[in-house]
Amino acid sequence: MKLKIACLQMDIMFGKPKKNYEAAEAMIEKALKSNPDVIVLPELWTTGYDLTRLDDIGDQDAAAALTFLKGIAKKIMFIWWVDLLQIKLPMAFTILF
């Protein structure tokens, strides 16, 4: 079985989650035109690697990212495998879904 994989290379905006979500959505829509089986987003694409402000811009339990990805998945019947930064105080770690 062959899989078609779309690896999204984004210009991640440091510490700007809203801009990163907008960029990800645009790139996902573009990638979908090639009918991929898998779409891969960059690590820490939501926060843009701004680890100094995780208390302010971090995604508690990855809730916002999951809501975003679920919304897209419902529209296109797609299953995600993503690495997300999860904030659970007192520490942060990445998780795969």
Protein backbone atom coordinates (compact mmCIF):
# COMPACT_ATOMS: atom_id res chain seq x y z
CA MET A 1 0.00 0.00 0.00
CA LYS A 2 1.31 3.42 -0.94
CA LEU A 3 0.60 6.49 1.14
CA LYS A 4 0.65 10.02 -0.18
CA ILE A 5 2.04 12.28 2.54
CA ALA A 6 1.85 16.08 2.53
CA CYS A 7 4.52 17.60 4.79
CA LEU A 8 3.60 21.21 5.46
CA GLN A 9 6.57 23.54 5.74
CA MET A 10 5.24 26.71 7.32
CA ASP A 11 6.87 30.01 8.09
CA ILE A 12 5.87 29.70 11.74
CA MET A 13 5.25 33.06 13.40
CA PHE A 14 7.10 33.22 16.71
CA GLY A 15 4.57 33.55 19.55
CA LYS A 16 1.56 34.25 17.30
CA PRO A 17 -0.86 31.32 17.55
CA LYS A 18 -3.69 33.08 15.65
CA LYS A 19 -1.43 33.74 12.66
CA ASN A 20 -0.14 30.16 12.81
CA TYR A 21 -3.67 28.72 12.79
CA GLU A 22 -4.54 30.89 9.78
CA ALA A 23 -1.39 29.82 7.93
CA ALA A 24 -1.96 26.15 8.78
CA GLU A 25 -5.55 26.28 7.54
CA ALA A 26 -4.49 27.86 4.23
CA MET A 27 -1.72 25.30 3.75
CA ILE A 28 -4.02 22.40 4.65
CA GLU A 29 -6.57 23.58 2.09
CA LYS A 30 -3.82 23.79 -0.53
CA ALA A 31 -2.45 20.36 0.39
CA LEU A 32 -5.90 18.77 0.17
CA LYS A 33 -5.99 19.52 -3.56
CA SER A 34 -3.41 16.75 -4.06
CA ASN A 35 -5.56 14.22 -2.14
CA PRO A 36 -3.01 13.18 0.50
CA ASP A 37 -3.54 10.26 2.84
CA VAL A 38 -1.61 12.01 5.61
CA ILE A 39 -0.90 15.66 6.36
CA VAL A 40 2.02 16.46 8.66
CA LEU A 41 2.21 19.79 10.48
CA PRO A 42 5.46 21.13 11.98
CA GLU A 43 6.29 20.57 15.62
CA LEU A 44 5.09 23.42 17.86
CA TRP A 45 3.26 25.04 14.94
CA THR A 46 0.68 26.62 17.23
CA THR A 47 2.98 28.61 19.51
CA GLY A 48 5.75 29.25 17.05
CA TYR A 49 8.39 27.99 19.50
CA ASP A 50 7.83 30.88 21.92
CA LEU A 51 8.50 28.76 24.99
CA THR A 52 9.13 31.82 27.15
CA ARG A 53 5.42 32.78 27.08
CA LEU A 54 3.72 29.41 27.39
CA ASP A 55 1.63 30.63 30.31
CA ASP A 56 0.14 33.29 28.02
CA ILE A 57 -0.07 31.58 24.63
CA GLY A 58 0.08 27.88 25.50
CA ASP A 59 -2.88 25.68 24.65
CA GLN A 60 -4.25 24.14 27.86
CA ASP A 61 -4.67 20.40 27.20
CA ALA A 62 -4.20 21.18 23.47
CA ALA A 63 -7.92 22.07 23.45
CA ALA A 64 -7.76 24.87 20.86
CA ALA A 65 -5.57 22.86 18.47
CA LEU A 66 -7.80 19.81 18.77
CA THR A 67 -10.94 21.88 18.16
CA PHE A 68 -9.28 23.40 15.09
CA LEU A 69 -8.16 20.02 13.71
CA LYS A 70 -11.47 18.31 14.51
CA GLY A 71 -13.33 21.04 12.64
CA ILE A 72 -11.24 20.47 9.54
CA ALA A 73 -11.43 16.69 9.92
CA LYS A 74 -15.24 16.77 10.03
CA LYS A 75 -15.37 18.76 6.81
CA ILE A 76 -13.02 16.51 4.90
CA MET A 77 -13.36 13.14 6.70
CA PHE A 78 -9.70 13.07 7.68
CA ILE A 79 -7.85 11.54 10.62
CA TRP A 80 -4.98 13.49 12.16
CA TRP A 81 -1.73 12.22 13.62
CA VAL A 82 -0.18 15.29 15.19
CA ASP A 83 2.38 16.27 17.76
CA LEU A 84 0.99 19.08 19.92
CA LEU A 85 2.41 20.98 22.83
CA GLN A 86 0.18 20.26 25.80
CA ILE A 87 0.21 22.59 28.77
CA LYS A 88 -0.57 20.92 32.07
CA LEU A 89 0.87 22.98 34.82
CA PRO A 90 3.40 22.72 36.34
CA MET A 91 4.95 21.37 33.12
CA ALA A 92 4.49 21.28 29.37
CA PHE A 93 5.03 18.32 27.07
CA THR A 94 4.17 17.18 23.58
CA ILE A 95 1.54 14.60 22.76
CA LEU A 96 0.60 12.66 19.66
CA PHE A 97 -3.01 12.28 18.57
